[in-house]
Amino acid sequence: MPTETRFVRPNHVTKEAAYVVPLDDLRSYDNVTIDVVSGTSGILYTIASGKEAYLKQALFTELSGISGFGANYVQLTDTRGSGLTVPIPINAGNTMVTYNANDAIGPIQSGITLQSPLFGGQVTLAVQVDPKMVE
């Protein structure tokens, strides 16, 4: 006799009797690709006030061709200067260096910046934004 398995998902409603639907994991991810000019710094990713984000992955491509200690290491920080990652080695002329967070780095509440005075290239960030939010 075949067995039947049922999965029951509780429905949550507001006080006005409207259904509360949790956001799908895919919908809460965002990505951005930024061109970084060598010798400049700025915010790579801005997080809206009252929200939090978690860094999932970063991709770096060194395009300036500058070799040396400063160009070989980059570090992602929050806007207060607190390190989100360890210094990541990047060699000049590399096609791409991937930094995968094993779980997620965060919560980050203001923004993500890059610390490296000589890095010139592209940075792509995959960020999970407000994973606890419901709509």
Protein backbone atom coordinates (compact mmCIF):
# COMPACT_ATOMS: atom_id res chain seq x y z
CA MET A 1 0.00 0.00 0.00
CA PRO A 2 1.57 3.32 -1.02
CA THR A 3 2.12 5.86 1.69
CA GLU A 4 1.19 9.47 1.36
CA THR A 5 3.33 12.33 2.66
CA ARG A 6 1.77 15.70 3.30
CA PHE A 7 3.65 18.89 3.96
CA VAL A 8 1.66 21.53 5.79
CA ARG A 9 2.89 25.10 5.75
CA PRO A 10 1.24 27.43 8.26
CA ASN A 11 -0.24 30.59 6.78
CA HIS A 12 0.47 33.82 8.62
CA VAL A 13 -2.00 36.68 8.40
CA THR A 14 -1.92 40.31 9.46
CA LYS A 15 -4.59 41.82 11.72
CA GLU A 16 -6.44 42.92 8.54
CA ALA A 17 -6.59 39.22 7.50
CA ALA A 18 -4.09 39.66 4.62
CA TYR A 19 -1.71 36.77 3.98
CA VAL A 20 1.97 37.36 4.82
CA VAL A 21 4.16 35.72 2.19
CA PRO A 22 7.85 35.22 3.09
CA LEU A 23 10.30 36.36 0.44
CA ASP A 24 11.87 33.68 -1.68
CA ASP A 25 15.63 33.25 -1.10
CA LEU A 26 16.41 34.15 -4.70
CA ARG A 27 14.49 37.41 -4.50
CA SER A 28 16.53 38.56 -1.53
CA TYR A 29 19.86 38.38 -3.41
CA ASP A 30 21.42 41.34 -5.17
CA ASN A 31 24.62 41.79 -7.15
CA VAL A 32 26.64 44.74 -8.34
CA THR A 33 29.69 45.12 -10.61
CA ILE A 34 31.90 48.15 -10.00
CA ASP A 35 34.89 49.50 -11.95
CA VAL A 36 37.58 50.61 -9.50
CA VAL A 37 40.14 53.17 -10.63
CA SER A 38 43.61 52.63 -9.18
CA GLY A 39 44.37 54.97 -6.30
CA THR A 40 40.76 55.88 -5.47
CA SER A 41 38.44 54.50 -2.84
CA GLY A 42 34.70 54.62 -2.35
CA ILE A 43 31.65 52.64 -1.36
CA LEU A 44 31.13 49.53 -3.50
CA TYR A 45 27.67 48.66 -2.20
CA THR A 46 25.21 50.81 -0.21
CA ILE A 47 22.65 49.30 2.14
CA ALA A 48 19.41 51.19 2.75
CA SER A 49 18.74 52.57 6.21
CA GLY A 50 17.09 50.08 8.53
CA LYS A 51 18.13 47.05 6.47
CA GLU A 52 20.99 44.61 6.82
CA ALA A 53 22.93 42.57 4.28
CA TYR A 54 25.21 39.55 4.20
CA LEU A 55 28.14 39.14 1.79
CA LYS A 56 28.01 35.79 -0.01
CA GLN A 57 30.63 36.10 -2.78
CA ALA A 58 33.11 38.56 -4.26
CA LEU A 59 34.85 38.38 -7.65
CA PHE A 60 37.93 40.48 -8.42
CA THR A 61 39.64 41.16 -11.76
CA GLU A 62 42.90 43.17 -11.70
CA LEU A 63 43.07 45.24 -14.89
CA SER A 64 45.67 47.92 -14.08
CA GLY A 65 48.68 45.67 -14.57
CA ILE A 66 50.40 47.15 -11.50
CA SER A 67 52.36 44.55 -9.61
CA GLY A 68 53.64 44.95 -6.09
CA PHE A 69 52.53 44.50 -2.50
CA GLY A 70 49.63 47.00 -2.55
CA ALA A 71 48.13 45.72 -5.80
CA ASN A 72 48.36 42.09 -4.72
CA TYR A 73 46.05 42.39 -1.69
CA VAL A 74 42.56 43.81 -1.31
CA GLN A 75 40.28 43.79 1.72
CA LEU A 76 36.54 44.39 1.93
CA THR A 77 35.45 46.52 4.90
CA ASP A 78 32.29 48.15 6.15
CA THR A 79 31.97 51.93 6.04
CA ARG A 80 33.38 52.25 9.57
CA GLY A 81 36.61 50.57 8.41
CA SER A 82 36.02 47.25 10.18
CA GLY A 83 37.34 44.35 8.09
CA LEU A 84 34.75 42.03 6.58
CA THR A 85 37.34 39.79 4.93
CA VAL A 86 40.98 38.97 5.42
CA PRO A 87 43.35 40.51 2.85
CA ILE A 88 42.71 38.68 -0.42
CA PRO A 89 45.72 38.08 -2.72
CA ILE A 90 45.19 39.23 -6.31
CA ASN A 91 47.95 39.04 -8.91
CA ALA A 92 48.24 41.51 -11.76
CA GLY A 93 46.92 40.08 -15.01
CA ASN A 94 44.70 37.46 -13.31
CA THR A 95 41.48 36.82 -15.09
CA MET A 96 39.44 36.46 -11.90
CA VAL A 97 39.86 35.78 -8.18
CA THR A 98 36.82 34.46 -6.32
CA TYR A 99 36.22 34.94 -2.61
CA ASN A 100 33.43 32.68 -1.33
CA ALA A 101 32.07 33.23 2.15
CA ASN A 102 31.52 29.76 3.64
CA ASP A 103 28.21 30.81 5.14
CA ALA A 104 27.74 34.58 4.96
CA ILE A 105 29.60 37.61 6.28
CA GLY A 106 27.47 40.05 8.20
CA PRO A 107 25.24 41.60 9.24
CA ILE A 108 26.42 44.71 7.39
CA GLN A 109 24.24 47.74 8.03
CA SER A 110 25.64 50.67 6.05
CA GLY A 111 27.78 49.65 3.09
CA ILE A 112 30.79 47.75 1.74
CA THR A 113 34.06 49.48 0.82
CA LEU A 114 37.37 48.30 -0.66
CA GLN A 115 40.74 48.82 1.03
CA SER A 116 43.62 48.77 -1.46
CA PRO A 117 45.26 51.92 -2.77
CA LEU A 118 46.70 50.34 -5.92
CA PHE A 119 43.94 47.95 -7.03
CA GLY A 120 42.45 48.88 -10.38
CA GLY A 121 39.91 46.62 -11.98
CA GLN A 122 36.43 45.23 -11.52
CA VAL A 123 34.68 43.95 -8.42
CA THR A 124 31.43 41.96 -8.44
CA LEU A 125 29.63 41.41 -5.14
CA ALA A 126 26.80 38.95 -4.44
CA VAL A 127 24.89 40.16 -1.39
CA GLN A 128 21.87 38.76 0.46
CA VAL A 129 19.70 41.70 1.50
CA ASP A 130 17.36 41.60 4.52
CA PRO A 131 16.85 37.82 4.66
CA LYS A 132 14.32 38.09 7.53
CA MET A 133 11.98 40.46 5.69
CA VAL A 134 8.42 39.42 4.85
CA GLU A 135 6.08 41.04 2.38
